[in-house]
Amino acid sequence: MTGCGLVGSGPEKTEKTQKRTAAAPVVDVDCADRGQVAGAGSSAQQNAMEYWAKEYQRACAGVQIAYNPLGSGAGVAQFLRGATAFGGSDSALDDAELARSESACAGGRAVNLPMAGGPVAIGFNLPGVDRLVLDAPTLAKIFDSRIKAWDDPAIEKLNPGVRLPATPIYPVHRSDDSGTTQNFQAYLADAAEDSWPYPARKIWQGRGGGSASGSSGVASAVTSTTGAIGYLDLSVAAKGQVTTVSVDTGADEPVAPTPQSASAGIAEARTAGRGNDLSLDFDHSTSAEGAYPIVLVTYEIVCATGNGAGHLPALKSFLTYTASAEGQRALPRLHYAPLPEELAGDVRRVVRALK
């Protein structure tokens, strides 16, 4: 590998470029000489992955990074059949999936590497209402079609002084297998308790409503339908200018979805994986001040051993960059939450050990 810079990395610089380089810090990347790294999966991390790939390839011109945001379920499926170097998923592989990964990872199995955090935002479209508070039991009943109108007493109680119309509620869920869906349903199952009797799976379990593919599809469905509400990644909500719900967690103040509140939510998690597997277990019922409870971490799923020799150096180089201080520092302005530094350091350690 050769050292490269993300700023002014070309062999020849104009005087203008030289001045800009002198004024700006150079971000160093330990570049692979060449290689193609294909990944697919989580649409929640699409904006972060686009940024990382662009910046990395500016530094490392000999490497091509291709990421297809098909959704977590499709990305995991592609990885498990050996079609990609890594899969992006908003939920960690479970024990059965880890066992299946042995067919894709010659001589080993996969590990889950957390890379980008963020809140699962609840977006809504209700003209005349720009601030809305909901709690877990109310969200559970809305998304299970048991609360059907916006002026329902349960919603009015959480929003004193807000004039809520009698508009019918149109809940929108993901049509594809999705880690975002799994994280949202895990929150409902934990925090809403008996109000959500369904398992936390990647495929939607609730009744009624409409569906759309990917976070961007949910954003489009919500913004185009009066009375709609849907769950989606905050970066996609921000990009689509979708108005979002603040969540009543039992803390003194309702919590809005932000990178900072998501980081506080992630801080409530514990490492649940074994060995070099870094999967996390979240406390969805937290009432810590300023902690947003509907959080996810997007994992890059890779083979601990058994990676193809043709892409291994480039894969390690790219993932080292995304987990670096430089790669993580950019996340808040993209509406993601950076990993706690200790966890990011663990990710870099595991990446160095990939074979």
Protein backbone atom coordinates (compact mmCIF):
# COMPACT_ATOMS: atom_id res chain seq x y z
CA MET A 1 0.00 0.00 0.00
CA THR A 2 1.12 3.55 -0.60
CA GLY A 3 0.31 6.68 1.38
CA CYS A 4 -2.11 9.05 -0.36
CA GLY A 5 -3.79 12.34 0.47
CA LEU A 6 -7.40 13.30 0.04
CA VAL A 7 -6.47 16.90 -0.71
CA GLY A 8 -4.30 17.76 -3.71
CA SER A 9 -3.38 14.13 -4.40
CA GLY A 10 -2.70 14.48 -8.14
CA PRO A 11 0.87 14.23 -9.46
CA GLU A 12 0.77 17.81 -10.76
CA LYS A 13 -0.76 20.76 -8.95
CA THR A 14 -1.63 24.20 -10.22
CA GLU A 15 -0.54 27.18 -8.14
CA LYS A 16 -4.16 27.52 -6.93
CA THR A 17 -4.24 23.87 -5.84
CA GLN A 18 -0.89 24.22 -4.11
CA LYS A 19 -2.15 27.18 -2.11
CA ARG A 20 -5.32 25.33 -1.16
CA THR A 21 -3.29 22.29 -0.11
CA ALA A 22 -0.98 24.40 2.00
CA ALA A 23 -3.93 25.99 3.77
CA ALA A 24 -5.87 22.76 4.37
CA PRO A 25 -4.80 19.69 6.33
CA VAL A 26 -3.98 16.64 4.25
CA VAL A 27 -5.99 13.56 5.17
CA ASP A 28 -3.71 10.55 4.83
CA VAL A 29 -5.01 7.19 3.63
CA ASP A 30 -2.96 4.02 3.41
CA CYS A 31 -4.04 3.28 -0.16
CA ALA A 32 -4.12 -0.06 -1.86
CA ASP A 33 -2.34 0.01 -5.21
CA ARG A 34 -5.36 -1.31 -7.08
CA GLY A 35 -8.52 -3.32 -6.67
CA GLN A 36 -12.28 -3.35 -7.00
CA VAL A 37 -14.46 -3.56 -3.89
CA ALA A 38 -18.14 -4.34 -4.38
CA GLY A 39 -20.67 -3.93 -1.60
CA ALA A 40 -24.45 -3.87 -1.37
CA GLY A 41 -27.13 -3.48 1.24
CA SER A 42 -28.42 -0.86 3.65
CA SER A 43 -30.05 2.15 2.05
CA ALA A 44 -29.78 3.91 5.42
CA GLN A 45 -26.02 4.30 4.95
CA GLN A 46 -26.27 5.27 1.28
CA ASN A 47 -25.31 8.92 1.77
CA ALA A 48 -22.40 8.05 4.06
CA MET A 49 -21.15 5.39 1.66
CA GLU A 50 -21.35 7.78 -1.30
CA TYR A 51 -19.27 10.31 0.62
CA TRP A 52 -16.71 7.75 1.80
CA ALA A 53 -16.31 6.20 -1.65
CA LYS A 54 -15.87 9.59 -3.31
CA GLU A 55 -13.29 10.82 -0.80
CA TYR A 56 -11.41 7.52 -0.73
CA GLN A 57 -11.21 7.31 -4.51
CA ARG A 58 -9.92 10.89 -4.68
CA ALA A 59 -7.00 9.68 -2.62
CA CYS A 60 -6.63 6.19 -4.04
CA ALA A 61 -7.17 6.44 -7.78
CA GLY A 62 -6.24 2.81 -8.39
CA VAL A 63 -9.19 1.47 -6.37
CA GLN A 64 -12.82 1.36 -7.37
CA ILE A 65 -15.53 1.22 -4.69
CA ALA A 66 -19.02 0.22 -5.85
CA TYR A 67 -21.90 0.19 -3.37
CA ASN A 68 -25.49 -0.70 -4.32
CA PRO A 69 -28.10 0.43 -1.72
CA LEU A 70 -30.52 -2.46 -2.31
CA GLY A 71 -31.63 -2.68 1.33
CA SER A 72 -30.20 -4.72 4.17
CA GLY A 73 -31.96 -7.98 3.32
CA ALA A 74 -30.80 -8.00 -0.30
CA GLY A 75 -27.30 -6.92 0.69
CA VAL A 76 -26.95 -9.72 3.22
CA ALA A 77 -28.26 -12.22 0.65
CA GLN A 78 -25.71 -11.08 -1.93
CA PHE A 79 -22.87 -11.29 0.59
CA LEU A 80 -23.87 -14.75 1.79
CA ARG A 81 -23.78 -16.10 -1.74
CA GLY A 82 -20.34 -14.60 -2.31
CA ALA A 83 -21.39 -11.91 -4.79
CA THR A 84 -19.86 -8.98 -2.87
CA ALA A 85 -16.82 -8.21 -0.73
CA PHE A 86 -19.00 -6.74 2.00
CA GLY A 87 -22.63 -6.38 2.90
CA GLY A 88 -24.19 -3.35 4.54
CA SER A 89 -26.92 -4.10 7.07
CA ASP A 90 -28.80 -2.10 9.67
CA SER A 91 -28.88 -5.18 11.88
CA ALA A 92 -26.16 -7.66 12.68
CA LEU A 93 -26.13 -11.17 11.22
CA ASP A 94 -27.74 -13.59 13.64
CA ASP A 95 -26.21 -16.95 14.60
CA ALA A 96 -27.90 -18.80 11.72
CA GLU A 97 -26.68 -16.25 9.18
CA LEU A 98 -23.18 -16.32 10.65
CA ALA A 99 -23.17 -20.11 10.21
CA ARG A 100 -24.32 -19.72 6.59
CA SER A 101 -21.49 -17.24 5.96
CA GLU A 102 -19.00 -20.12 6.09
CA SER A 103 -19.92 -20.93 2.49
CA ALA A 104 -18.90 -17.40 1.43
CA CYS A 105 -15.83 -17.17 3.68
CA ALA A 106 -13.45 -19.97 2.81
CA GLY A 107 -12.01 -21.34 6.04
CA GLY A 108 -13.92 -18.94 8.28
CA ARG A 109 -17.08 -16.95 8.78
CA ALA A 110 -18.28 -13.37 8.77
CA VAL A 111 -18.02 -10.67 11.43
CA ASN A 112 -20.26 -7.64 12.02
CA LEU A 113 -18.39 -4.31 12.01
CA PRO A 114 -20.38 -1.24 13.14
CA MET A 115 -19.52 1.73 10.94
CA ALA A 116 -22.17 4.49 11.00
CA GLY A 117 -24.84 5.24 13.55
CA GLY A 118 -28.00 7.20 13.34
CA PRO A 119 -31.61 7.62 14.36
CA VAL A 120 -34.52 5.95 12.66
CA ALA A 121 -36.60 9.07 12.13
CA ILE A 122 -40.39 9.09 12.02
CA GLY A 123 -41.45 11.37 9.18
CA PHE A 124 -44.94 12.76 8.76
CA ASN A 125 -46.95 14.94 6.38
CA LEU A 126 -49.64 16.96 8.11
CA PRO A 127 -50.15 20.46 6.68
CA GLY A 128 -50.33 23.09 9.40
CA VAL A 129 -48.52 20.88 11.93
CA ASP A 130 -44.76 21.33 12.07
CA ARG A 131 -44.10 19.91 15.53
CA LEU A 132 -45.40 16.56 16.69
CA VAL A 133 -44.66 14.37 19.73
CA LEU A 134 -45.45 10.66 19.87
CA ASP A 135 -44.52 7.86 22.26
CA ALA A 136 -43.90 4.15 21.76
CA PRO A 137 -47.43 2.84 22.53
CA THR A 138 -49.01 5.47 20.27
CA LEU A 139 -46.57 4.75 17.44
CA ALA A 140 -47.29 1.03 17.81
CA LYS A 141 -51.02 1.57 17.44
CA ILE A 142 -50.57 3.97 14.52
CA PHE A 143 -48.37 1.55 12.57
CA ASP A 144 -50.71 -1.34 13.38
CA SER A 145 -53.70 0.65 12.06
CA ARG A 146 -55.39 0.79 15.48
CA ILE A 147 -55.18 4.60 15.66
CA LYS A 148 -56.67 5.83 12.40
CA ALA A 149 -57.05 9.62 12.57
CA TRP A 150 -54.70 12.44 13.54
CA ASP A 151 -57.13 13.93 16.06
CA ASP A 152 -57.21 10.70 18.09
CA PRO A 153 -57.27 11.46 21.86
CA ALA A 154 -53.99 9.59 22.41
CA ILE A 155 -52.19 11.89 19.96
CA GLU A 156 -53.92 15.01 21.29
CA LYS A 157 -52.82 14.17 24.84
CA LEU A 158 -49.16 14.13 23.74
CA ASN A 159 -49.53 17.42 21.86
CA PRO A 160 -51.38 19.95 24.06
CA GLY A 161 -52.09 23.20 22.26
CA VAL A 162 -51.57 21.70 18.79
CA ARG A 163 -54.60 21.79 16.48
CA LEU A 164 -54.71 18.32 14.99
CA PRO A 165 -57.00 17.69 12.00
CA ALA A 166 -59.31 14.72 11.56
CA THR A 167 -57.21 13.64 8.57
CA PRO A 168 -56.92 9.85 8.19
CA ILE A 169 -53.53 8.42 9.08
CA TYR A 170 -51.68 6.60 6.31
CA PRO A 171 -48.78 4.61 7.82
CA VAL A 172 -46.00 3.67 5.40
CA HIS A 173 -43.61 0.77 6.00
CA ARG A 174 -40.76 -0.74 4.01
CA SER A 175 -41.73 -3.30 1.37
CA ASP A 176 -38.23 -4.81 1.22
CA ASP A 177 -36.41 -6.81 3.89
CA SER A 178 -34.75 -4.08 5.91
CA GLY A 179 -32.57 -3.66 8.96
CA THR A 180 -34.27 -0.30 9.49
CA THR A 181 -37.56 -2.18 9.77
CA GLN A 182 -36.00 -4.64 12.21
CA ASN A 183 -34.62 -1.83 14.39
CA PHE A 184 -37.92 0.06 14.38
CA GLN A 185 -39.88 -3.07 15.30
CA ALA A 186 -37.33 -3.89 18.03
CA TYR A 187 -37.98 -0.44 19.49
CA LEU A 188 -41.75 -0.97 19.36
CA ALA A 189 -41.47 -4.46 20.90
CA ASP A 190 -39.23 -3.23 23.74
CA ALA A 191 -40.63 0.22 24.48
CA ALA A 192 -44.32 -0.25 23.58
CA GLU A 193 -44.48 -3.69 25.23
CA ASP A 194 -47.98 -5.19 24.87
CA SER A 195 -48.98 -2.58 22.28
CA TRP A 196 -46.70 -4.28 19.71
CA PRO A 197 -47.15 -8.08 19.77
CA TYR A 198 -44.96 -8.80 16.74
CA PRO A 199 -41.36 -10.06 16.44
CA ALA A 200 -38.52 -7.73 15.41
CA ARG A 201 -37.86 -9.04 11.90
CA LYS A 202 -36.48 -7.48 8.74
CA ILE A 203 -39.84 -7.91 7.03
CA TRP A 204 -42.73 -5.75 8.24
CA GLN A 205 -45.16 -7.39 10.70
CA GLY A 206 -47.85 -4.77 11.35
CA ARG A 207 -51.28 -4.56 9.73
CA GLY A 208 -52.55 -2.18 7.06
CA GLY A 209 -51.01 0.94 5.62
CA GLY A 210 -48.90 1.28 2.50
CA SER A 211 -45.38 0.24 1.60
CA ALA A 212 -42.39 1.54 -0.33
CA SER A 213 -38.94 0.25 -1.18
CA GLY A 214 -35.97 1.74 0.63
CA SER A 215 -35.76 4.79 2.87
CA SER A 216 -35.94 7.03 -0.20
CA GLY A 217 -39.18 5.31 -1.26
CA VAL A 218 -40.68 5.89 2.19
CA ALA A 219 -39.65 9.55 2.01
CA SER A 220 -41.35 9.95 -1.36
CA ALA A 221 -44.52 8.22 -0.14
CA VAL A 222 -44.73 10.41 2.96
CA THR A 223 -44.10 13.73 1.21
CA SER A 224 -46.61 12.96 -1.54
CA THR A 225 -49.48 11.82 0.75
CA THR A 226 -51.32 14.09 3.18
CA GLY A 227 -51.72 12.32 6.51
CA ALA A 228 -48.84 9.91 5.90
CA ILE A 229 -46.30 8.78 8.47
CA GLY A 230 -43.32 6.49 7.92
CA TYR A 231 -39.98 5.44 9.41
CA LEU A 232 -36.75 6.20 7.57
CA ASP A 233 -33.11 7.05 8.01
CA LEU A 234 -32.55 10.63 9.22
CA SER A 235 -30.11 11.45 6.40
CA VAL A 236 -32.77 10.55 3.84
CA ALA A 237 -35.42 12.51 5.77
CA ALA A 238 -33.16 15.56 5.86
CA LYS A 239 -32.31 15.29 2.17
CA GLY A 240 -36.01 15.00 1.29
CA GLN A 241 -37.04 17.76 3.74
CA VAL A 242 -39.36 15.39 5.60
CA THR A 243 -40.72 16.77 8.90
CA THR A 244 -39.92 14.43 11.78
CA VAL A 245 -41.49 13.41 15.10
CA SER A 246 -39.97 14.00 18.54
CA VAL A 247 -40.28 10.98 20.81
CA ASP A 248 -41.60 11.06 24.37
CA THR A 249 -39.28 8.62 26.16
CA GLY A 250 -40.24 9.50 29.71
CA ALA A 251 -37.35 11.97 29.97
CA ASP A 252 -38.05 15.58 30.95
CA GLU A 253 -38.27 16.66 27.30
CA PRO A 254 -39.25 14.82 24.10
CA VAL A 255 -36.21 13.90 22.03
CA ALA A 256 -35.80 14.89 18.39
CA PRO A 257 -33.76 12.72 16.00
CA THR A 258 -30.30 14.27 15.56
CA PRO A 259 -26.78 12.89 15.23
CA GLN A 260 -26.11 14.03 18.79
CA SER A 261 -29.23 12.40 20.28
CA ALA A 262 -28.46 9.23 18.32
CA SER A 263 -24.92 9.17 19.73
CA ALA A 264 -26.41 9.39 23.21
CA GLY A 265 -28.69 6.46 22.33
CA ILE A 266 -25.79 4.41 20.96
CA ALA A 267 -23.86 5.09 24.17
CA GLU A 268 -26.56 3.09 25.96
CA ALA A 269 -25.71 -0.02 23.88
CA ARG A 270 -23.39 -2.85 24.86
CA THR A 271 -21.21 -5.11 22.73
CA ALA A 272 -22.95 -8.46 22.30
CA GLY A 273 -20.74 -10.24 19.76
CA ARG A 274 -18.10 -12.86 20.49
CA GLY A 275 -14.43 -12.55 19.62
CA ASN A 276 -13.91 -10.14 16.73
CA ASP A 277 -17.64 -9.84 16.09
CA LEU A 278 -18.70 -6.34 17.20
CA SER A 279 -22.51 -6.55 17.08
CA LEU A 280 -24.33 -4.33 19.58
CA ASP A 281 -27.35 -4.73 21.85
CA PHE A 282 -29.43 -1.53 22.23
CA ASP A 283 -31.52 -0.28 25.13
CA HIS A 284 -34.64 0.84 23.25
CA SER A 285 -36.46 1.64 26.49
CA THR A 286 -33.91 4.22 27.65
CA SER A 287 -35.23 7.37 29.26
CA ALA A 288 -31.82 9.01 29.53
CA GLU A 289 -32.01 12.75 28.93
CA GLY A 290 -31.29 13.65 25.31
CA ALA A 291 -31.02 10.02 24.18
CA TYR A 292 -33.04 9.18 21.08
CA PRO A 293 -34.33 5.62 21.53
CA ILE A 294 -34.88 4.48 17.92
CA VAL A 295 -31.28 4.07 16.82
CA LEU A 296 -29.45 1.79 14.51
CA VAL A 297 -25.88 1.10 13.60
CA THR A 298 -25.11 0.09 10.07
CA TYR A 299 -22.72 -2.85 10.00
CA GLU A 300 -20.26 -3.68 7.27
CA ILE A 301 -20.35 -7.49 7.13
CA VAL A 302 -17.07 -9.01 5.99
CA CYS A 303 -15.27 -12.33 6.09
CA ALA A 304 -12.86 -12.58 9.02
CA THR A 305 -10.89 -15.03 6.89
CA GLY A 306 -11.38 -16.26 3.36
CA ASN A 307 -11.47 -12.91 1.56
CA GLY A 308 -10.48 -12.93 -2.09
CA ALA A 309 -6.83 -12.00 -2.59
CA GLY A 310 -7.84 -9.69 -5.45
CA HIS A 311 -9.87 -7.36 -3.25
CA LEU A 312 -8.54 -7.92 0.29
CA PRO A 313 -5.91 -5.10 0.34
CA ALA A 314 -8.39 -2.59 -1.09
CA LEU A 315 -11.16 -3.76 1.27
CA LYS A 316 -8.93 -3.34 4.32
CA SER A 317 -7.70 0.05 3.13
CA PHE A 318 -11.21 1.36 2.47
CA LEU A 319 -12.72 0.13 5.76
CA THR A 320 -9.74 1.46 7.71
CA TYR A 321 -10.52 4.87 6.21
CA THR A 322 -14.27 4.73 6.94
CA ALA A 323 -13.56 3.82 10.59
CA SER A 324 -10.79 6.42 10.92
CA ALA A 325 -11.15 9.71 12.77
CA GLU A 326 -11.25 11.45 9.37
CA GLY A 327 -13.94 9.18 7.99
CA GLN A 328 -16.09 9.40 11.11
CA ARG A 329 -15.67 13.16 11.53
CA ALA A 330 -17.73 13.86 8.42
CA LEU A 331 -20.78 11.91 9.57
CA PRO A 332 -22.69 14.55 11.60
CA ARG A 333 -22.97 16.93 8.66
CA LEU A 334 -24.42 14.00 6.68
CA HIS A 335 -26.94 13.45 9.52
CA TYR A 336 -25.24 10.33 10.89
CA ALA A 337 -23.78 9.70 14.33
CA PRO A 338 -20.07 8.81 14.52
CA LEU A 339 -19.01 5.76 16.47
CA PRO A 340 -17.62 6.26 19.97
CA GLU A 341 -13.85 6.37 19.57
CA GLU A 342 -13.27 3.19 21.60
CA LEU A 343 -15.65 1.26 19.34
CA ALA A 344 -14.12 2.80 16.20
CA GLY A 345 -10.70 1.69 17.45
CA ASP A 346 -12.00 -1.86 17.89
CA VAL A 347 -13.32 -1.78 14.31
CA ARG A 348 -9.92 -0.69 12.96
CA ARG A 349 -8.23 -3.47 14.95
CA VAL A 350 -10.52 -6.12 13.46
CA VAL A 351 -10.07 -4.72 9.94
CA ARG A 352 -6.30 -5.00 10.27
CA ALA A 353 -6.73 -8.71 11.12
CA LEU A 354 -8.86 -9.58 8.08
CA LYS A 355 -7.37 -12.37 5.94
